[in-house]
Amino acid sequence: MKRLPKKIEYIDPVAQTIWHTVVDSMDQYTHDSVLSKFYLPEELVTHCRSTASIFAQIHYAPLLEPDEAYKTRIYTLFLFSMMCGVQIYLKERSMLKNYPYYKIVNDEQSVKEARKKVTKLLFDGAVILETIDQVMNMFLAQLMVIRQKRRFTIKDRVFDEEKFDRFLPASILWGYLFTKEMIID
């Protein structure tokens, strides 16, 4: 996971710094915690979990029950990719704004509005900086392994591979955009 993809000819130095910072956070821990810094802040992880579950449910026919979705490999992959998006935004923000403090929106109404806005942006086509697009593509190059798709099969369920190819990039972007909506300077 820690090597850069070969197919990108020019990698922006900022994109490369963000990539390395996010990847390094996977091996860092706060104090005596067993939870990696990659899975922080918890306020955002909670919302990513429920969305990753929804993403996992809709990849199977018949649809998975919510409690079944949490036990699947594809749920874990979507949660991981959303957390990549969260961390990309947090690292980008830190670099561009000189590491300022931030607050995360917690009230239910704001969270619902943020989810709706992000969903609309995903369907309408969100515009992001080329640097951030490069970082996301670096993660996608690591995550989009054809062999992985076979690992997502579940007995008596049909796995939609085409949907997977569309939703994995969308899940990283969802994490990025959702975090952008939830952070208050």
N, C-alpha and C. Protein backbone atom coordinates (compact mmCIF):
# COMPACT_ATOMS: atom_id res chain seq x y z
N MET A 1 0.81 -1.20 0.00
CA MET A 1 0.00 0.00 0.00
C MET A 1 0.85 1.25 0.00
N LYS A 2 2.12 1.16 0.35
CA LYS A 2 2.92 2.36 0.50
C LYS A 2 3.72 2.73 -0.74
N ARG A 3 3.46 2.12 -1.86
CA ARG A 3 4.17 2.51 -3.06
C ARG A 3 3.23 3.30 -3.97
N LEU A 4 3.79 4.22 -4.70
CA LEU A 4 3.00 5.06 -5.59
C LEU A 4 2.70 4.32 -6.89
N PRO A 5 1.55 4.57 -7.48
CA PRO A 5 1.22 3.92 -8.75
C PRO A 5 2.17 4.38 -9.85
N LYS A 6 2.42 3.50 -10.80
CA LYS A 6 3.38 3.80 -11.86
C LYS A 6 2.77 4.56 -13.03
N LYS A 7 1.46 4.52 -13.19
CA LYS A 7 0.87 5.08 -14.40
C LYS A 7 0.69 6.60 -14.39
N ILE A 8 0.86 7.26 -13.27
CA ILE A 8 0.78 8.72 -13.24
C ILE A 8 2.17 9.26 -13.55
N GLU A 9 2.28 10.02 -14.64
CA GLU A 9 3.59 10.50 -15.07
C GLU A 9 4.11 11.60 -14.16
N TYR A 10 3.30 12.60 -13.88
CA TYR A 10 3.73 13.70 -13.02
C TYR A 10 2.84 13.72 -11.79
N ILE A 11 3.46 13.67 -10.63
CA ILE A 11 2.71 13.74 -9.39
C ILE A 11 3.04 15.06 -8.72
N ASP A 12 2.02 15.85 -8.49
CA ASP A 12 2.18 17.13 -7.82
C ASP A 12 2.83 16.91 -6.45
N PRO A 13 3.82 17.72 -6.07
CA PRO A 13 4.47 17.54 -4.77
C PRO A 13 3.50 17.62 -3.58
N VAL A 14 2.49 18.47 -3.69
CA VAL A 14 1.49 18.57 -2.62
C VAL A 14 0.69 17.26 -2.55
N ALA A 15 0.33 16.72 -3.70
CA ALA A 15 -0.40 15.44 -3.74
C ALA A 15 0.45 14.33 -3.12
N GLN A 16 1.72 14.33 -3.44
CA GLN A 16 2.61 13.31 -2.90
C GLN A 16 2.75 13.45 -1.39
N THR A 17 2.83 14.68 -0.90
CA THR A 17 2.92 14.93 0.55
C THR A 17 1.65 14.47 1.25
N ILE A 18 0.49 14.80 0.68
CA ILE A 18 -0.78 14.38 1.28
C ILE A 18 -0.85 12.85 1.29
N TRP A 19 -0.50 12.22 0.18
CA TRP A 19 -0.50 10.75 0.09
C TRP A 19 0.34 10.15 1.21
N HIS A 20 1.58 10.61 1.33
CA HIS A 20 2.48 10.05 2.35
C HIS A 20 1.98 10.31 3.76
N THR A 21 1.42 11.48 4.00
CA THR A 21 0.92 11.82 5.33
C THR A 21 -0.25 10.92 5.71
N VAL A 22 -1.16 10.69 4.77
CA VAL A 22 -2.31 9.81 5.04
C VAL A 22 -1.82 8.38 5.27
N VAL A 23 -0.95 7.89 4.42
CA VAL A 23 -0.45 6.52 4.57
C VAL A 23 0.32 6.37 5.89
N ASP A 24 1.12 7.37 6.24
CA ASP A 24 1.86 7.31 7.51
C ASP A 24 0.92 7.29 8.71
N SER A 25 -0.23 7.96 8.60
CA SER A 25 -1.17 8.00 9.73
C SER A 25 -1.75 6.61 10.03
N MET A 26 -1.66 5.70 9.07
CA MET A 26 -2.17 4.34 9.29
C MET A 26 -1.33 3.60 10.32
N ASP A 27 -0.07 4.00 10.46
CA ASP A 27 0.84 3.34 11.40
C ASP A 27 1.08 4.15 12.67
N GLN A 28 0.34 5.24 12.85
CA GLN A 28 0.53 6.09 14.03
C GLN A 28 -0.63 5.90 14.99
N TYR A 29 -0.32 5.98 16.27
CA TYR A 29 -1.33 5.78 17.31
C TYR A 29 -1.25 6.92 18.32
N THR A 30 -2.39 7.27 18.90
CA THR A 30 -2.40 8.30 19.93
C THR A 30 -2.19 7.66 21.29
N HIS A 31 -1.23 8.15 22.02
CA HIS A 31 -0.92 7.70 23.38
C HIS A 31 -0.86 6.17 23.43
N ASP A 32 -1.67 5.54 24.27
CA ASP A 32 -1.65 4.08 24.42
C ASP A 32 -2.80 3.42 23.66
N SER A 33 -3.35 4.09 22.70
CA SER A 33 -4.51 3.59 21.98
C SER A 33 -4.14 2.44 21.04
N VAL A 34 -5.09 1.57 20.81
CA VAL A 34 -4.92 0.51 19.82
C VAL A 34 -5.55 0.94 18.49
N LEU A 35 -6.18 2.10 18.48
CA LEU A 35 -6.83 2.63 17.28
C LEU A 35 -5.88 3.57 16.55
N SER A 36 -5.65 3.32 15.29
CA SER A 36 -4.76 4.13 14.48
C SER A 36 -5.31 5.54 14.32
N LYS A 37 -4.40 6.51 14.16
CA LYS A 37 -4.81 7.90 13.90
C LYS A 37 -5.60 8.01 12.60
N PHE A 38 -5.44 7.02 11.74
CA PHE A 38 -6.16 7.00 10.47
C PHE A 38 -7.67 6.96 10.69
N TYR A 39 -8.10 6.31 11.76
CA TYR A 39 -9.54 6.18 12.05
C TYR A 39 -10.02 7.23 13.03
N LEU A 40 -9.46 8.40 12.96
CA LEU A 40 -9.90 9.53 13.77
C LEU A 40 -10.23 10.67 12.83
N PRO A 41 -11.08 11.57 13.18
CA PRO A 41 -11.87 11.71 14.40
C PRO A 41 -13.11 10.80 14.41
N GLU A 42 -13.43 10.33 15.57
CA GLU A 42 -14.52 9.36 15.75
C GLU A 42 -15.87 9.90 15.28
N GLU A 43 -16.08 11.22 15.43
CA GLU A 43 -17.35 11.82 15.01
C GLU A 43 -17.61 11.58 13.52
N LEU A 44 -16.55 11.59 12.72
CA LEU A 44 -16.71 11.36 11.28
C LEU A 44 -16.75 9.87 10.95
N VAL A 45 -16.02 9.07 11.70
CA VAL A 45 -16.00 7.62 11.47
C VAL A 45 -17.40 7.04 11.65
N THR A 46 -18.12 7.52 12.64
CA THR A 46 -19.48 7.04 12.91
C THR A 46 -20.37 7.19 11.68
N HIS A 47 -20.31 8.34 11.04
CA HIS A 47 -21.14 8.58 9.86
C HIS A 47 -20.63 7.78 8.66
N CYS A 48 -19.34 7.60 8.57
CA CYS A 48 -18.78 6.79 7.48
C CYS A 48 -19.22 5.33 7.60
N ARG A 49 -19.32 4.84 8.83
CA ARG A 49 -19.74 3.44 9.03
C ARG A 49 -21.13 3.19 8.46
N SER A 50 -22.06 4.07 8.77
CA SER A 50 -23.43 3.85 8.28
C SER A 50 -23.50 3.98 6.76
N THR A 51 -22.77 4.92 6.19
CA THR A 51 -22.78 5.08 4.74
C THR A 51 -22.08 3.91 4.05
N ALA A 52 -20.99 3.43 4.62
CA ALA A 52 -20.30 2.26 4.06
C ALA A 52 -21.22 1.04 4.08
N SER A 53 -22.03 0.94 5.12
CA SER A 53 -22.99 -0.17 5.20
C SER A 53 -24.01 -0.08 4.07
N ILE A 54 -24.50 1.12 3.82
CA ILE A 54 -25.47 1.32 2.72
C ILE A 54 -24.81 0.98 1.38
N PHE A 55 -23.59 1.46 1.17
CA PHE A 55 -22.87 1.16 -0.07
C PHE A 55 -22.72 -0.35 -0.24
N ALA A 56 -22.41 -1.05 0.85
CA ALA A 56 -22.23 -2.51 0.79
C ALA A 56 -23.55 -3.22 0.48
N GLN A 57 -24.64 -2.78 1.10
CA GLN A 57 -25.94 -3.43 0.92
C GLN A 57 -26.37 -3.45 -0.53
N ILE A 58 -26.19 -2.34 -1.22
CA ILE A 58 -26.75 -2.22 -2.57
C ILE A 58 -25.93 -2.95 -3.64
N HIS A 59 -24.83 -3.57 -3.27
CA HIS A 59 -24.02 -4.30 -4.24
C HIS A 59 -24.47 -5.74 -4.44
N TYR A 60 -25.46 -6.15 -3.70
CA TYR A 60 -25.90 -7.54 -3.77
C TYR A 60 -27.37 -7.63 -4.14
N ALA A 61 -27.71 -8.71 -4.85
CA ALA A 61 -29.10 -9.01 -5.14
C ALA A 61 -29.37 -10.41 -4.62
N PRO A 62 -30.35 -10.62 -3.80
CA PRO A 62 -31.16 -9.61 -3.12
C PRO A 62 -30.32 -8.78 -2.15
N LEU A 63 -30.86 -7.61 -1.81
CA LEU A 63 -30.15 -6.68 -0.93
C LEU A 63 -29.82 -7.32 0.41
N LEU A 64 -28.69 -6.92 0.96
CA LEU A 64 -28.30 -7.39 2.29
C LEU A 64 -29.08 -6.64 3.37
N GLU A 65 -29.27 -7.29 4.48
CA GLU A 65 -29.82 -6.60 5.66
C GLU A 65 -28.69 -5.77 6.26
N PRO A 66 -29.02 -4.67 6.95
CA PRO A 66 -27.96 -3.82 7.52
C PRO A 66 -26.99 -4.59 8.42
N ASP A 67 -27.49 -5.46 9.27
CA ASP A 67 -26.59 -6.20 10.15
C ASP A 67 -25.70 -7.18 9.38
N GLU A 68 -26.19 -7.69 8.24
CA GLU A 68 -25.37 -8.56 7.39
C GLU A 68 -24.27 -7.76 6.70
N ALA A 69 -24.61 -6.54 6.29
CA ALA A 69 -23.65 -5.71 5.55
C ALA A 69 -22.42 -5.40 6.39
N TYR A 70 -22.62 -5.18 7.68
CA TYR A 70 -21.48 -4.85 8.55
C TYR A 70 -20.48 -5.99 8.66
N LYS A 71 -20.87 -7.18 8.30
CA LYS A 71 -19.99 -8.35 8.43
C LYS A 71 -19.28 -8.70 7.12
N THR A 72 -19.47 -7.91 6.08
CA THR A 72 -18.90 -8.24 4.78
C THR A 72 -17.55 -7.57 4.55
N ARG A 73 -16.80 -8.15 3.64
CA ARG A 73 -15.50 -7.57 3.27
C ARG A 73 -15.67 -6.27 2.51
N ILE A 74 -16.72 -6.20 1.71
CA ILE A 74 -16.92 -4.99 0.92
C ILE A 74 -17.24 -3.79 1.82
N TYR A 75 -17.94 -4.04 2.92
CA TYR A 75 -18.20 -2.97 3.90
C TYR A 75 -16.87 -2.43 4.43
N THR A 76 -15.96 -3.33 4.77
CA THR A 76 -14.66 -2.92 5.30
C THR A 76 -13.90 -2.10 4.27
N LEU A 77 -13.97 -2.51 3.01
CA LEU A 77 -13.28 -1.77 1.96
C LEU A 77 -13.89 -0.39 1.77
N PHE A 78 -15.22 -0.30 1.78
CA PHE A 78 -15.86 1.01 1.63
C PHE A 78 -15.56 1.91 2.83
N LEU A 79 -15.56 1.36 4.03
CA LEU A 79 -15.22 2.16 5.21
C LEU A 79 -13.79 2.66 5.09
N PHE A 80 -12.88 1.79 4.69
CA PHE A 80 -11.49 2.19 4.52
C PHE A 80 -11.36 3.29 3.47
N SER A 81 -12.03 3.14 2.34
CA SER A 81 -11.92 4.14 1.28
C SER A 81 -12.54 5.47 1.70
N MET A 82 -13.64 5.42 2.45
CA MET A 82 -14.22 6.67 2.95
C MET A 82 -13.28 7.35 3.93
N MET A 83 -12.62 6.55 4.76
CA MET A 83 -11.66 7.13 5.70
C MET A 83 -10.46 7.71 4.96
N CYS A 84 -10.10 7.13 3.82
CA CYS A 84 -9.06 7.74 2.99
C CYS A 84 -9.51 9.14 2.56
N GLY A 85 -10.76 9.26 2.14
CA GLY A 85 -11.29 10.56 1.75
C GLY A 85 -11.30 11.54 2.91
N VAL A 86 -11.69 11.07 4.09
CA VAL A 86 -11.69 11.92 5.29
C VAL A 86 -10.28 12.42 5.56
N GLN A 87 -9.32 11.50 5.56
CA GLN A 87 -7.94 11.88 5.87
C GLN A 87 -7.33 12.77 4.79
N ILE A 88 -7.69 12.55 3.54
CA ILE A 88 -7.19 13.41 2.46
C ILE A 88 -7.64 14.85 2.72
N TYR A 89 -8.93 15.02 3.05
CA TYR A 89 -9.40 16.38 3.32
C TYR A 89 -8.69 16.99 4.52
N LEU A 90 -8.58 16.23 5.62
CA LEU A 90 -7.96 16.77 6.83
C LEU A 90 -6.49 17.14 6.58
N LYS A 91 -5.77 16.32 5.84
CA LYS A 91 -4.35 16.61 5.56
C LYS A 91 -4.23 17.80 4.61
N GLU A 92 -5.11 17.86 3.61
CA GLU A 92 -5.09 19.00 2.68
C GLU A 92 -5.37 20.29 3.44
N ARG A 93 -6.39 20.28 4.29
CA ARG A 93 -6.76 21.45 5.07
C ARG A 93 -5.61 21.88 5.98
N SER A 94 -4.97 20.92 6.61
CA SER A 94 -3.84 21.23 7.49
C SER A 94 -2.71 21.90 6.73
N MET A 95 -2.41 21.39 5.55
CA MET A 95 -1.31 21.96 4.76
C MET A 95 -1.64 23.36 4.24
N LEU A 96 -2.86 23.53 3.75
CA LEU A 96 -3.22 24.81 3.15
C LEU A 96 -3.51 25.91 4.17
N LYS A 97 -3.98 25.53 5.35
CA LYS A 97 -4.36 26.52 6.35
C LYS A 97 -3.42 26.55 7.55
N ASN A 98 -2.26 25.92 7.42
CA ASN A 98 -1.24 25.94 8.47
C ASN A 98 -1.71 25.31 9.78
N TYR A 99 -2.31 24.16 9.70
CA TYR A 99 -2.69 23.33 10.85
C TYR A 99 -3.59 24.02 11.88
N PRO A 100 -4.66 24.65 11.45
CA PRO A 100 -5.53 25.31 12.44
C PRO A 100 -6.44 24.30 13.16
N TYR A 101 -6.95 24.73 14.29
CA TYR A 101 -7.93 23.91 15.00
C TYR A 101 -9.23 23.90 14.20
N TYR A 102 -10.03 22.89 14.43
CA TYR A 102 -11.33 22.82 13.76
C TYR A 102 -12.34 22.21 14.69
N LYS A 103 -13.60 22.41 14.33
CA LYS A 103 -14.71 21.85 15.09
C LYS A 103 -15.54 21.03 14.11
N ILE A 104 -16.12 19.94 14.61
CA ILE A 104 -16.95 19.08 13.77
C ILE A 104 -18.41 19.28 14.15
N VAL A 105 -19.25 19.50 13.15
CA VAL A 105 -20.68 19.68 13.36
C VAL A 105 -21.25 18.40 13.95
N ASN A 106 -22.07 18.53 15.00
CA ASN A 106 -22.63 17.34 15.66
C ASN A 106 -24.15 17.26 15.63
N ASP A 107 -24.83 18.38 15.39
CA ASP A 107 -26.29 18.32 15.47
C ASP A 107 -26.87 17.54 14.29
N GLU A 108 -27.93 16.80 14.57
CA GLU A 108 -28.52 15.88 13.59
C GLU A 108 -28.97 16.57 12.31
N GLN A 109 -29.57 17.73 12.44
CA GLN A 109 -30.08 18.44 11.26
C GLN A 109 -28.94 18.80 10.30
N SER A 110 -27.83 19.29 10.84
CA SER A 110 -26.68 19.64 10.00
C SER A 110 -26.07 18.42 9.34
N VAL A 111 -26.04 17.31 10.06
CA VAL A 111 -25.50 16.06 9.50
C VAL A 111 -26.38 15.59 8.35
N LYS A 112 -27.70 15.64 8.53
CA LYS A 112 -28.62 15.24 7.46
C LYS A 112 -28.44 16.12 6.23
N GLU A 113 -28.33 17.43 6.46
CA GLU A 113 -28.14 18.36 5.35
C GLU A 113 -26.82 18.09 4.63
N ALA A 114 -25.78 17.81 5.41
CA ALA A 114 -24.47 17.51 4.81
C ALA A 114 -24.54 16.25 3.96
N ARG A 115 -25.22 15.22 4.47
CA ARG A 115 -25.36 13.97 3.70
C ARG A 115 -26.11 14.21 2.39
N LYS A 116 -27.21 14.97 2.47
CA LYS A 116 -27.99 15.26 1.27
C LYS A 116 -27.15 16.05 0.26
N LYS A 117 -26.42 17.04 0.75
CA LYS A 117 -25.61 17.88 -0.13
C LYS A 117 -24.52 17.05 -0.81
N VAL A 118 -23.86 16.19 -0.05
CA VAL A 118 -22.80 15.35 -0.60
C VAL A 118 -23.36 14.37 -1.62
N THR A 119 -24.51 13.78 -1.32
CA THR A 119 -25.14 12.85 -2.26
C THR A 119 -25.49 13.57 -3.56
N LYS A 120 -26.03 14.77 -3.44
CA LYS A 120 -26.36 15.57 -4.63
C LYS A 120 -25.10 15.89 -5.43
N LEU A 121 -24.03 16.28 -4.73
CA LEU A 121 -22.77 16.57 -5.41
C LEU A 121 -22.24 15.35 -6.15
N LEU A 122 -22.36 14.18 -5.55
CA LEU A 122 -21.89 12.96 -6.20
C LEU A 122 -22.68 12.66 -7.46
N PHE A 123 -23.99 12.86 -7.41
CA PHE A 123 -24.83 12.58 -8.58
C PHE A 123 -24.66 13.64 -9.66
N ASP A 124 -24.48 14.90 -9.25
CA ASP A 124 -24.33 15.99 -10.22
C ASP A 124 -22.92 16.09 -10.78
N GLY A 125 -21.96 15.53 -10.08
CA GLY A 125 -20.56 15.61 -10.50
C GLY A 125 -19.83 16.68 -9.73
N ALA A 126 -19.12 16.28 -8.71
CA ALA A 126 -18.38 17.22 -7.87
C ALA A 126 -17.08 17.62 -8.56
N VAL A 127 -16.71 18.87 -8.38
CA VAL A 127 -15.45 19.38 -8.93
C VAL A 127 -14.45 19.49 -7.79
N ILE A 128 -13.30 18.84 -7.98
CA ILE A 128 -12.24 18.91 -6.96
C ILE A 128 -10.94 19.34 -7.62
N LEU A 129 -10.00 19.77 -6.81
CA LEU A 129 -8.70 20.18 -7.32
C LEU A 129 -7.98 19.00 -7.96
N GLU A 130 -7.17 19.29 -8.96
CA GLU A 130 -6.42 18.24 -9.64
C GLU A 130 -5.48 17.52 -8.68
N THR A 131 -4.92 18.28 -7.74
CA THR A 131 -4.03 17.69 -6.74
C THR A 131 -4.75 16.62 -5.93
N ILE A 132 -5.96 16.94 -5.47
CA ILE A 132 -6.74 16.00 -4.68
C ILE A 132 -7.16 14.81 -5.54
N ASP A 133 -7.48 15.07 -6.79
CA ASP A 133 -7.82 13.99 -7.71
C ASP A 133 -6.64 13.02 -7.86
N GLN A 134 -5.43 13.56 -7.91
CA GLN A 134 -4.24 12.70 -8.00
C GLN A 134 -4.10 11.83 -6.75
N VAL A 135 -4.32 12.43 -5.58
CA VAL A 135 -4.22 11.66 -4.33
C VAL A 135 -5.26 10.54 -4.32
N MET A 136 -6.49 10.87 -4.70
CA MET A 136 -7.55 9.86 -4.74
C MET A 136 -7.21 8.75 -5.73
N ASN A 137 -6.65 9.13 -6.86
CA ASN A 137 -6.27 8.12 -7.86
C ASN A 137 -5.14 7.22 -7.36
N MET A 138 -4.25 7.77 -6.53
CA MET A 138 -3.19 6.94 -5.95
C MET A 138 -3.79 5.87 -5.04
N PHE A 139 -4.79 6.26 -4.26
CA PHE A 139 -5.46 5.28 -3.40
C PHE A 139 -6.25 4.28 -4.24
N LEU A 140 -6.94 4.77 -5.26
CA LEU A 140 -7.72 3.87 -6.11
C LEU A 140 -6.83 2.85 -6.81
N ALA A 141 -5.65 3.27 -7.21
CA ALA A 141 -4.73 2.33 -7.86
C ALA A 141 -4.38 1.18 -6.91
N GLN A 142 -4.37 1.45 -5.63
CA GLN A 142 -4.07 0.41 -4.65
C GLN A 142 -5.31 -0.44 -4.34
N LEU A 143 -6.48 0.19 -4.37
CA LEU A 143 -7.71 -0.49 -3.96
C LEU A 143 -8.41 -1.25 -5.08
N MET A 144 -8.25 -0.80 -6.32
CA MET A 144 -8.96 -1.40 -7.45
C MET A 144 -8.18 -2.58 -8.03
N VAL A 145 -8.15 -3.64 -7.31
CA VAL A 145 -7.48 -4.84 -7.78
C VAL A 145 -8.56 -5.81 -8.22
N ILE A 146 -8.49 -6.26 -9.44
CA ILE A 146 -9.53 -7.14 -10.00
C ILE A 146 -9.71 -8.39 -9.15
N ARG A 147 -8.62 -8.93 -8.62
CA ARG A 147 -8.71 -10.14 -7.81
C ARG A 147 -9.59 -9.93 -6.58
N GLN A 148 -9.68 -8.72 -6.09
CA GLN A 148 -10.47 -8.45 -4.89
C GLN A 148 -11.95 -8.70 -5.13
N LYS A 149 -12.41 -8.45 -6.32
CA LYS A 149 -13.84 -8.56 -6.60
C LYS A 149 -14.37 -9.96 -6.32
N ARG A 150 -13.57 -10.97 -6.60
CA ARG A 150 -14.01 -12.34 -6.33
C ARG A 150 -14.18 -12.60 -4.84
N ARG A 151 -13.45 -11.86 -4.04
CA ARG A 151 -13.51 -12.06 -2.60
C ARG A 151 -14.80 -11.52 -1.99
N PHE A 152 -15.57 -10.78 -2.76
CA PHE A 152 -16.80 -10.18 -2.25
C PHE A 152 -18.04 -11.03 -2.48
N THR A 153 -17.89 -12.17 -3.08
CA THR A 153 -19.05 -13.02 -3.32
C THR A 153 -19.58 -13.59 -2.01
N ILE A 154 -20.90 -13.67 -1.94
CA ILE A 154 -21.59 -14.21 -0.77
C ILE A 154 -22.55 -15.28 -1.28
N LYS A 155 -22.63 -16.37 -0.57
CA LYS A 155 -23.50 -17.47 -0.98
C LYS A 155 -24.94 -16.98 -1.12
N ASP A 156 -25.59 -17.40 -2.19
CA ASP A 156 -26.98 -17.07 -2.51
C ASP A 156 -27.21 -15.59 -2.80
N ARG A 157 -26.15 -14.86 -3.14
CA ARG A 157 -26.27 -13.44 -3.50
C ARG A 157 -25.49 -13.20 -4.79
N VAL A 158 -25.98 -12.27 -5.58
CA VAL A 158 -25.30 -11.89 -6.81
C VAL A 158 -24.58 -10.56 -6.56
N PHE A 159 -23.29 -10.54 -6.81
CA PHE A 159 -22.47 -9.34 -6.61
C PHE A 159 -22.41 -8.54 -7.91
N ASP A 160 -22.68 -7.25 -7.85
CA ASP A 160 -22.68 -6.37 -9.02
C ASP A 160 -21.31 -5.71 -9.17
N GLU A 161 -20.47 -6.27 -10.06
CA GLU A 161 -19.11 -5.76 -10.25
C GLU A 161 -19.09 -4.39 -10.89
N GLU A 162 -20.01 -4.12 -11.81
CA GLU A 162 -20.04 -2.81 -12.46
C GLU A 162 -20.34 -1.71 -11.46
N LYS A 163 -21.25 -1.99 -10.56
CA LYS A 163 -21.58 -1.02 -9.52
C LYS A 163 -20.36 -0.77 -8.63
N PHE A 164 -19.63 -1.83 -8.34
CA PHE A 164 -18.42 -1.72 -7.52
C PHE A 164 -17.42 -0.77 -8.15
N ASP A 165 -17.24 -0.89 -9.48
CA ASP A 165 -16.28 -0.02 -10.18
C ASP A 165 -16.67 1.45 -10.10
N ARG A 166 -17.94 1.74 -9.97
CA ARG A 166 -18.41 3.13 -9.85
C ARG A 166 -18.41 3.61 -8.40
N PHE A 167 -18.73 2.72 -7.48
CA PHE A 167 -18.90 3.12 -6.09
C PHE A 167 -17.60 3.26 -5.31
N LEU A 168 -16.56 2.53 -5.68
CA LEU A 168 -15.31 2.65 -4.93
C LEU A 168 -14.72 4.06 -5.07
N PRO A 169 -14.60 4.61 -6.28
CA PRO A 169 -14.14 6.00 -6.37
C PRO A 169 -15.11 6.97 -5.68
N ALA A 170 -16.40 6.69 -5.79
CA ALA A 170 -17.40 7.56 -5.15
C ALA A 170 -17.27 7.53 -3.64
N SER A 171 -16.86 6.40 -3.08
CA SER A 171 -16.76 6.31 -1.62
C SER A 171 -15.61 7.17 -1.09
N ILE A 172 -14.50 7.22 -1.82
CA ILE A 172 -13.39 8.10 -1.41
C ILE A 172 -13.85 9.55 -1.50
N LEU A 173 -14.49 9.88 -2.60
CA LEU A 173 -14.99 11.24 -2.78
C LEU A 173 -16.05 11.59 -1.75
N TRP A 174 -16.89 10.63 -1.38
CA TRP A 174 -17.91 10.86 -0.35
C TRP A 174 -17.24 11.24 0.97
N GLY A 175 -16.21 10.50 1.37
CA GLY A 175 -15.51 10.81 2.61
C GLY A 175 -14.90 12.20 2.58
N TYR A 176 -14.31 12.56 1.45
CA TYR A 176 -13.69 13.88 1.29
C TYR A 176 -14.74 14.99 1.39
N LEU A 177 -15.80 14.87 0.60
CA LEU A 177 -16.83 15.92 0.56
C LEU A 177 -17.60 16.02 1.87
N PHE A 178 -17.89 14.88 2.49
CA PHE A 178 -18.62 14.88 3.75
C PHE A 178 -17.80 15.57 4.84
N THR A 179 -16.52 15.28 4.89
CA THR A 179 -15.65 15.93 5.88
C THR A 179 -15.60 17.43 5.63
N LYS A 180 -15.53 17.81 4.37
CA LYS A 180 -15.50 19.23 4.02
C LYS A 180 -16.75 19.95 4.53
N GLU A 181 -17.89 19.27 4.46
CA GLU A 181 -19.14 19.85 4.94
C GLU A 181 -19.25 19.87 6.46
N MET A 182 -18.61 18.92 7.11
CA MET A 182 -18.75 18.76 8.56
C MET A 182 -17.77 19.59 9.38
N ILE A 183 -16.70 20.07 8.77
CA ILE A 183 -15.67 20.82 9.50
C ILE A 183 -16.02 22.30 9.53
N ILE A 184 -15.92 22.87 10.72
CA ILE A 184 -16.13 24.31 10.91
C ILE A 184 -14.80 24.91 11.34
N ASP A 185 -14.39 25.97 10.67
CA ASP A 185 -13.14 26.66 11.06
C ASP A 185 -13.33 27.51 12.30
